[in-house]
Amino acid sequence: MNMALDEVMLQDAERGIASLRFYTWSEPTLSLGYFQPAMPRLPDVAWVRRSSGGAAILHDRELTYCLALPAGLPWQTKETWLCQFHHLIVATLASFGVTARAVICGEEKKLGEFLCFLHQTPGDLLIGSSKITGSAQRRMRGALMQHGSILLQQSPCTPVLRGIQELSGVSISIEELASRLIQRFEEETGWKMNRIDFSEEQNCRASTIAREKYGSASWNEKR
């Protein structure tokens, strides 16, 4: 359902509606990148295939975001939203006393084959030498959907990955991080956010997409 709601946001962006949401998962869940093979996976962990590329993300003790923007100005400019949103995250973490930085060209590392947070590519966010944020995109007729994960704490399912708390010694609540990110987003863009829930029509669309696509073996096991 989380992946389906992100897709609904992309559909609405194609119609001219910009939106941003932050969310968590009801249980530890692995999201595979669109092009990844269905195997291997983490034992006893729920999983789904994303519509965006990249490597697998374990969603547990983290904050997931999704940004959906219509085509053209003022929504999309020459600067990529991967960089823009990650700069926003860096500034927000700094307000908690946490220092993070983006990977630059020439610093790329691949520390594992399967998990996204063991791949360090330009624009990814690090604390020290450890990745704490990665994002991926999908486009539809010029509209953009970008979603990503901010790792707050180490998950028992992926003990090799340390989160912001372990790396910085700072504990940040999901609610406070989301609140400050929204505030920073408004300040940086000059756009006023209206806080609303998904409509009945949007939830209905998402339920259909979840059932027919993200909940189906034909989609999740397609690679």
C-alpha atoms as a PDB file:
ATOM      1  CA  MET A   1       0.000   0.000   0.000  1.00  0.00           C
ATOM      2  CA  ASN A   2       2.903   2.387   0.662  1.00  0.00           C
ATOM      3  CA  MET A   3       4.210   1.845  -2.861  1.00  0.00           C
ATOM      4  CA  ALA A   4       0.703   2.222  -4.268  1.00  0.00           C
ATOM      5  CA  LEU A   5       0.176   5.540  -2.464  1.00  0.00           C
ATOM      6  CA  ASP A   6       3.475   6.799  -3.887  1.00  0.00           C
ATOM      7  CA  GLU A   7       2.220   5.849  -7.352  1.00  0.00           C
ATOM      8  CA  VAL A   8      -1.053   7.708  -6.761  1.00  0.00           C
ATOM      9  CA  MET A   9       1.007  10.774  -5.895  1.00  0.00           C
ATOM     10  CA  LEU A  10       2.850  10.408  -9.216  1.00  0.00           C
ATOM     11  CA  GLN A  11      -0.444  10.100 -11.093  1.00  0.00           C
ATOM     12  CA  ASP A  12      -1.694  13.267  -9.415  1.00  0.00           C
ATOM     13  CA  ALA A  13       1.565  15.078 -10.193  1.00  0.00           C
ATOM     14  CA  GLU A  14       0.940  14.294 -13.852  1.00  0.00           C
ATOM     15  CA  ARG A  15      -2.369  16.153 -13.410  1.00  0.00           C
ATOM     16  CA  GLY A  16      -0.598  19.164 -11.888  1.00  0.00           C
ATOM     17  CA  ILE A  17      -0.768  18.408  -8.138  1.00  0.00           C
ATOM     18  CA  ALA A  18       2.454  18.618  -6.115  1.00  0.00           C
ATOM     19  CA  SER A  19       2.665  16.633  -2.872  1.00  0.00           C
ATOM     20  CA  LEU A  20       5.076  15.499  -0.178  1.00  0.00           C
ATOM     21  CA  ARG A  21       4.520  12.836   2.440  1.00  0.00           C
ATOM     22  CA  PHE A  22       6.503  11.158   5.193  1.00  0.00           C
ATOM     23  CA  TYR A  23       5.642   7.678   6.398  1.00  0.00           C
ATOM     24  CA  THR A  24       6.779   4.561   8.215  1.00  0.00           C
ATOM     25  CA  TRP A  25       6.050   0.837   7.779  1.00  0.00           C
ATOM     26  CA  SER A  26       3.900  -1.445   9.944  1.00  0.00           C
ATOM     27  CA  GLU A  27       6.661  -4.099  10.051  1.00  0.00           C
ATOM     28  CA  PRO A  28      10.262  -4.366   8.828  1.00  0.00           C
ATOM     29  CA  THR A  29       9.931  -4.476   5.043  1.00  0.00           C
ATOM     30  CA  LEU A  30      12.419  -4.847   2.236  1.00  0.00           C
ATOM     31  CA  SER A  31      11.730  -2.816  -0.926  1.00  0.00           C
ATOM     32  CA  LEU A  32      13.601  -4.154  -3.937  1.00  0.00           C
ATOM     33  CA  GLY A  33      14.675  -1.848  -6.744  1.00  0.00           C
ATOM     34  CA  TYR A  34      12.760  -2.231 -10.006  1.00  0.00           C
ATOM     35  CA  PHE A  35      15.606  -4.008 -11.795  1.00  0.00           C
ATOM     36  CA  GLN A  36      16.775  -6.228  -8.921  1.00  0.00           C
ATOM     37  CA  PRO A  37      16.270  -9.996  -8.981  1.00  0.00           C
ATOM     38  CA  ALA A  38      13.706 -11.290  -6.501  1.00  0.00           C
ATOM     39  CA  MET A  39      16.411 -13.361  -4.800  1.00  0.00           C
ATOM     40  CA  PRO A  40      18.266 -13.166  -2.495  1.00  0.00           C
ATOM     41  CA  ARG A  41      16.202 -11.538   0.243  1.00  0.00           C
ATOM     42  CA  LEU A  42      16.443 -11.152   4.009  1.00  0.00           C
ATOM     43  CA  PRO A  43      15.077 -14.183   5.902  1.00  0.00           C
ATOM     44  CA  ASP A  44      11.605 -13.759   7.441  1.00  0.00           C
ATOM     45  CA  VAL A  45      11.274 -10.134   6.269  1.00  0.00           C
ATOM     46  CA  ALA A  46       8.273  -8.919   4.254  1.00  0.00           C
ATOM     47  CA  TRP A  47       9.157  -7.524   0.848  1.00  0.00           C
ATOM     48  CA  VAL A  48       7.819  -5.616  -2.140  1.00  0.00           C
ATOM     49  CA  ARG A  49       9.240  -4.381  -5.436  1.00  0.00           C
ATOM     50  CA  ARG A  50       9.458  -0.605  -5.949  1.00  0.00           C
ATOM     51  CA  SER A  51       8.679   1.130  -9.232  1.00  0.00           C
ATOM     52  CA  SER A  52      11.975   3.037  -8.889  1.00  0.00           C
ATOM     53  CA  GLY A  53      15.484   1.740  -9.464  1.00  0.00           C
ATOM     54  CA  GLY A  54      18.396   1.194  -7.120  1.00  0.00           C
ATOM     55  CA  ALA A  55      19.178  -1.531  -4.623  1.00  0.00           C
ATOM     56  CA  ALA A  56      17.137  -3.008  -1.776  1.00  0.00           C
ATOM     57  CA  ILE A  57      16.171  -0.865   1.229  1.00  0.00           C
ATOM     58  CA  LEU A  58      15.227  -2.300   4.611  1.00  0.00           C
ATOM     59  CA  HIS A  59      12.474  -0.060   5.979  1.00  0.00           C
ATOM     60  CA  ASP A  60      12.772  -0.342   9.745  1.00  0.00           C
ATOM     61  CA  ARG A  61      13.595   2.327  12.333  1.00  0.00           C
ATOM     62  CA  GLU A  62      13.748   4.887   9.544  1.00  0.00           C
ATOM     63  CA  LEU A  63      11.642   7.620   7.957  1.00  0.00           C
ATOM     64  CA  THR A  64      10.538   7.235   4.358  1.00  0.00           C
ATOM     65  CA  TYR A  65       9.592  10.250   2.264  1.00  0.00           C
ATOM     66  CA  CYS A  66       7.919  10.676  -1.110  1.00  0.00           C
ATOM     67  CA  LEU A  67       7.958  13.861  -3.198  1.00  0.00           C
ATOM     68  CA  ALA A  68       5.799  14.115  -6.328  1.00  0.00           C
ATOM     69  CA  LEU A  69       6.050  17.123  -8.641  1.00  0.00           C
ATOM     70  CA  PRO A  70       4.406  18.124 -11.940  1.00  0.00           C
ATOM     71  CA  ALA A  71       6.494  18.690 -15.039  1.00  0.00           C
ATOM     72  CA  GLY A  72       8.075  22.056 -15.792  1.00  0.00           C
ATOM     73  CA  LEU A  73       8.568  25.243 -13.826  1.00  0.00           C
ATOM     74  CA  PRO A  74       8.378  26.113 -10.993  1.00  0.00           C
ATOM     75  CA  TRP A  75       8.352  22.506  -9.844  1.00  0.00           C
ATOM     76  CA  GLN A  76      11.352  21.201 -11.744  1.00  0.00           C
ATOM     77  CA  THR A  77      14.444  23.208 -12.653  1.00  0.00           C
ATOM     78  CA  LYS A  78      17.926  22.337 -13.902  1.00  0.00           C
ATOM     79  CA  GLU A  79      19.032  21.282 -10.398  1.00  0.00           C
ATOM     80  CA  THR A  80      18.141  17.677  -9.703  1.00  0.00           C
ATOM     81  CA  TRP A  81      15.739  17.042  -6.848  1.00  0.00           C
ATOM     82  CA  LEU A  82      18.012  14.277  -5.580  1.00  0.00           C
ATOM     83  CA  CYS A  83      20.520  16.969  -4.675  1.00  0.00           C
ATOM     84  CA  GLN A  84      17.946  19.550  -3.608  1.00  0.00           C
ATOM     85  CA  PHE A  85      16.126  17.259  -1.202  1.00  0.00           C
ATOM     86  CA  HIS A  86      19.310  15.788   0.204  1.00  0.00           C
ATOM     87  CA  HIS A  87      20.657  19.302   0.877  1.00  0.00           C
ATOM     88  CA  LEU A  88      17.423  19.967   2.736  1.00  0.00           C
ATOM     89  CA  ILE A  89      17.945  16.815   4.846  1.00  0.00           C
ATOM     90  CA  VAL A  90      21.524  17.845   5.663  1.00  0.00           C
ATOM     91  CA  ALA A  91      20.327  21.264   6.864  1.00  0.00           C
ATOM     92  CA  THR A  92      17.547  19.704   8.922  1.00  0.00           C
ATOM     93  CA  LEU A  93      19.891  17.212  10.594  1.00  0.00           C
ATOM     94  CA  ALA A  94      22.220  20.100  11.423  1.00  0.00           C
ATOM     95  CA  SER A  95      19.377  21.659  13.431  1.00  0.00           C
ATOM     96  CA  PHE A  96      19.579  18.544  15.656  1.00  0.00           C
ATOM     97  CA  GLY A  97      23.363  18.883  15.969  1.00  0.00           C
ATOM     98  CA  VAL A  98      24.044  16.081  13.470  1.00  0.00           C
ATOM     99  CA  THR A  99      26.638  16.612  10.740  1.00  0.00           C
ATOM    100  CA  ALA A 100      26.005  14.811   7.452  1.00  0.00           C
ATOM    101  CA  ARG A 101      27.398  15.345   3.984  1.00  0.00           C
ATOM    102  CA  ALA A 102      26.796  14.215   0.426  1.00  0.00           C
ATOM    103  CA  VAL A 103      28.991  11.753  -1.450  1.00  0.00           C
ATOM    104  CA  ILE A 104      30.816  13.573  -4.254  1.00  0.00           C
ATOM    105  CA  CYS A 105      32.029  12.257  -7.594  1.00  0.00           C
ATOM    106  CA  GLY A 106      35.104  10.113  -7.128  1.00  0.00           C
ATOM    107  CA  GLU A 107      34.021   8.880  -3.675  1.00  0.00           C
ATOM    108  CA  GLU A 108      31.757   6.116  -4.975  1.00  0.00           C
ATOM    109  CA  LYS A 109      31.934   2.842  -3.035  1.00  0.00           C
ATOM    110  CA  LYS A 110      30.185  -0.491  -3.338  1.00  0.00           C
ATOM    111  CA  LEU A 111      30.461  -2.329  -0.028  1.00  0.00           C
ATOM    112  CA  GLY A 112      27.901  -5.015  -0.855  1.00  0.00           C
ATOM    113  CA  GLU A 113      25.826  -6.335  -3.749  1.00  0.00           C
ATOM    114  CA  PHE A 114      22.293  -6.302  -2.378  1.00  0.00           C
ATOM    115  CA  LEU A 115      21.492  -3.480   0.062  1.00  0.00           C
ATOM    116  CA  CYS A 116      21.181   0.131  -1.071  1.00  0.00           C
ATOM    117  CA  PHE A 117      22.863   1.442   2.070  1.00  0.00           C
ATOM    118  CA  LEU A 118      26.021  -0.477   1.168  1.00  0.00           C
ATOM    119  CA  HIS A 119      26.150   1.406  -2.153  1.00  0.00           C
ATOM    120  CA  GLN A 120      27.554   4.935  -1.889  1.00  0.00           C
ATOM    121  CA  THR A 121      26.855   6.966  -5.003  1.00  0.00           C
ATOM    122  CA  PRO A 122      27.099  10.738  -5.633  1.00  0.00           C
ATOM    123  CA  GLY A 123      24.392  12.593  -3.718  1.00  0.00           C
ATOM    124  CA  ASP A 124      23.873   9.917  -1.061  1.00  0.00           C
ATOM    125  CA  LEU A 125      24.206  11.220   2.485  1.00  0.00           C
ATOM    126  CA  LEU A 126      26.875  10.029   4.919  1.00  0.00           C
ATOM    127  CA  ILE A 127      27.731  10.445   8.556  1.00  0.00           C
ATOM    128  CA  GLY A 128      31.430   9.735   8.680  1.00  0.00           C
ATOM    129  CA  SER A 129      31.867   6.897   6.203  1.00  0.00           C
ATOM    130  CA  SER A 130      28.397   5.359   6.673  1.00  0.00           C
ATOM    131  CA  LYS A 131      25.374   6.012   4.458  1.00  0.00           C
ATOM    132  CA  ILE A 132      22.222   7.256   6.198  1.00  0.00           C
ATOM    133  CA  THR A 133      20.087   8.450   3.264  1.00  0.00           C
ATOM    134  CA  GLY A 134      19.468   7.293  -0.286  1.00  0.00           C
ATOM    135  CA  SER A 135      16.758   8.170  -2.795  1.00  0.00           C
ATOM    136  CA  ALA A 136      15.402   6.950  -6.140  1.00  0.00           C
ATOM    137  CA  GLN A 137      13.149   8.412  -8.811  1.00  0.00           C
ATOM    138  CA  ARG A 138      10.502   7.507 -11.332  1.00  0.00           C
ATOM    139  CA  ARG A 139       9.086   9.754 -14.059  1.00  0.00           C
ATOM    140  CA  MET A 140       5.798   9.670 -15.934  1.00  0.00           C
ATOM    141  CA  ARG A 141       5.277  12.032 -18.871  1.00  0.00           C
ATOM    142  CA  GLY A 142       7.498  14.644 -17.244  1.00  0.00           C
ATOM    143  CA  ALA A 143       6.032  14.314 -13.740  1.00  0.00           C
ATOM    144  CA  LEU A 144       8.515  13.245 -11.058  1.00  0.00           C
ATOM    145  CA  MET A 145       8.169  10.937  -8.077  1.00  0.00           C
ATOM    146  CA  GLN A 146      11.165  10.712  -5.745  1.00  0.00           C
ATOM    147  CA  HIS A 147      11.196   8.607  -2.605  1.00  0.00           C
ATOM    148  CA  GLY A 148      13.905   7.728  -0.158  1.00  0.00           C
ATOM    149  CA  SER A 149      14.849   6.541   3.293  1.00  0.00           C
ATOM    150  CA  ILE A 150      16.468   8.279   6.267  1.00  0.00           C
ATOM    151  CA  LEU A 151      17.981   5.668   8.584  1.00  0.00           C
ATOM    152  CA  LEU A 152      17.456   6.732  12.205  1.00  0.00           C
ATOM    153  CA  GLN A 153      18.584   3.615  14.077  1.00  0.00           C
ATOM    154  CA  GLN A 154      20.262   0.298  13.419  1.00  0.00           C
ATOM    155  CA  SER A 155      17.769  -2.478  12.613  1.00  0.00           C
ATOM    156  CA  PRO A 156      18.202  -5.999  14.037  1.00  0.00           C
ATOM    157  CA  CYS A 157      17.423  -7.210  10.506  1.00  0.00           C
ATOM    158  CA  THR A 158      20.482  -5.424   9.062  1.00  0.00           C
ATOM    159  CA  PRO A 159      23.019  -5.080  11.909  1.00  0.00           C
ATOM    160  CA  VAL A 160      25.741  -4.140   9.429  1.00  0.00           C
ATOM    161  CA  LEU A 161      23.988  -0.786   8.880  1.00  0.00           C
ATOM    162  CA  ARG A 162      24.282   1.837  11.594  1.00  0.00           C
ATOM    163  CA  GLY A 163      21.776   4.658  11.818  1.00  0.00           C
ATOM    164  CA  ILE A 164      21.965   8.295  12.828  1.00  0.00           C
ATOM    165  CA  GLN A 165      21.678   7.443  16.526  1.00  0.00           C
ATOM    166  CA  GLU A 166      24.626   5.024  16.500  1.00  0.00           C
ATOM    167  CA  LEU A 167      26.774   7.225  14.267  1.00  0.00           C
ATOM    168  CA  SER A 168      26.157  10.572  15.972  1.00  0.00           C
ATOM    169  CA  GLY A 169      24.919   9.707  19.446  1.00  0.00           C
ATOM    170  CA  VAL A 170      21.814  11.838  18.766  1.00  0.00           C
ATOM    171  CA  SER A 171      18.335  10.312  19.089  1.00  0.00           C
ATOM    172  CA  ILE A 172      15.779  11.904  16.751  1.00  0.00           C
ATOM    173  CA  SER A 173      12.085  11.074  16.823  1.00  0.00           C
ATOM    174  CA  ILE A 174      10.305  10.328  13.552  1.00  0.00           C
ATOM    175  CA  GLU A 175       7.647  12.956  14.290  1.00  0.00           C
ATOM    176  CA  GLU A 176      10.130  15.746  15.048  1.00  0.00           C
ATOM    177  CA  LEU A 177      12.271  14.944  12.012  1.00  0.00           C
ATOM    178  CA  ALA A 178       9.264  15.011   9.682  1.00  0.00           C
ATOM    179  CA  SER A 179       8.035  18.267  11.211  1.00  0.00           C
ATOM    180  CA  ARG A 180      11.375  20.020  10.776  1.00  0.00           C
ATOM    181  CA  LEU A 181      11.790  18.678   7.241  1.00  0.00           C
ATOM    182  CA  ILE A 182       8.427  20.149   6.254  1.00  0.00           C
ATOM    183  CA  GLN A 183       9.363  23.475   7.796  1.00  0.00           C
ATOM    184  CA  ARG A 184      12.723  23.490   6.011  1.00  0.00           C
ATOM    185  CA  PHE A 185      11.078  22.479   2.728  1.00  0.00           C
ATOM    186  CA  GLU A 186       8.710  25.454   2.935  1.00  0.00           C
ATOM    187  CA  GLU A 187      11.564  27.814   3.774  1.00  0.00           C
ATOM    188  CA  GLU A 188      13.806  26.584   0.950  1.00  0.00           C
ATOM    189  CA  THR A 189      11.154  26.478  -1.782  1.00  0.00           C
ATOM    190  CA  GLY A 190       8.841  29.302  -0.725  1.00  0.00           C
ATOM    191  CA  TRP A 191       5.932  26.914  -1.306  1.00  0.00           C
ATOM    192  CA  LYS A 192       3.172  26.746   1.299  1.00  0.00           C
ATOM    193  CA  MET A 193       2.188  23.224   2.299  1.00  0.00           C
ATOM    194  CA  ASN A 194      -1.433  22.320   3.040  1.00  0.00           C
ATOM    195  CA  ARG A 195      -1.613  19.348   5.393  1.00  0.00           C
ATOM    196  CA  ILE A 196      -4.355  16.975   4.255  1.00  0.00           C
ATOM    197  CA  ASP A 197      -5.114  13.261   4.323  1.00  0.00           C
ATOM    198  CA  PHE A 198      -5.499  11.109   1.243  1.00  0.00           C
ATOM    199  CA  SER A 199      -9.045  11.393  -0.111  1.00  0.00           C
ATOM    200  CA  GLU A 200     -11.441   8.457  -0.382  1.00  0.00           C
ATOM    201  CA  GLU A 201     -10.891   8.491  -4.153  1.00  0.00           C
ATOM    202  CA  GLN A 202      -7.088   8.422  -3.750  1.00  0.00           C
ATOM    203  CA  ASN A 203      -7.265   5.581  -1.228  1.00  0.00           C
ATOM    204  CA  CYS A 204      -9.547   3.667  -3.587  1.00  0.00           C
ATOM    205  CA  ARG A 205      -7.071   4.074  -6.443  1.00  0.00           C
ATOM    206  CA  ALA A 206      -4.206   3.043  -4.178  1.00  0.00           C
ATOM    207  CA  SER A 207      -6.057  -0.048  -2.957  1.00  0.00           C
ATOM    208  CA  THR A 208      -6.597  -1.171  -6.555  1.00  0.00           C
ATOM    209  CA  ILE A 209      -2.952  -0.561  -7.459  1.00  0.00           C
ATOM    210  CA  ALA A 210      -1.790  -2.365  -4.312  1.00  0.00           C
ATOM    211  CA  ARG A 211      -3.959  -5.381  -5.070  1.00  0.00           C
ATOM    212  CA  GLU A 212      -3.304  -5.629  -8.785  1.00  0.00           C
ATOM    213  CA  LYS A 213       0.356  -4.588  -8.854  1.00  0.00           C
ATOM    214  CA  TYR A 214       2.394  -4.396  -5.648  1.00  0.00           C
ATOM    215  CA  GLY A 215       0.553  -7.283  -4.009  1.00  0.00           C
ATOM    216  CA  SER A 216       0.931  -9.609  -6.988  1.00  0.00           C
ATOM    217  CA  ALA A 217       3.602 -12.226  -7.617  1.00  0.00           C
ATOM    218  CA  SER A 218       3.721 -11.226 -11.291  1.00  0.00           C
ATOM    219  CA  TRP A 219       5.063  -7.802 -10.277  1.00  0.00           C
ATOM    220  CA  ASN A 220       7.202  -8.671  -7.260  1.00  0.00           C
ATOM    221  CA  GLU A 221       8.869 -11.712  -8.790  1.00  0.00           C
ATOM    222  CA  LYS A 222       9.216 -10.356 -12.326  1.00  0.00           C
ATOM    223  CA  ARG A 223      13.042 -10.231 -12.270  1.00  0.00           C
END
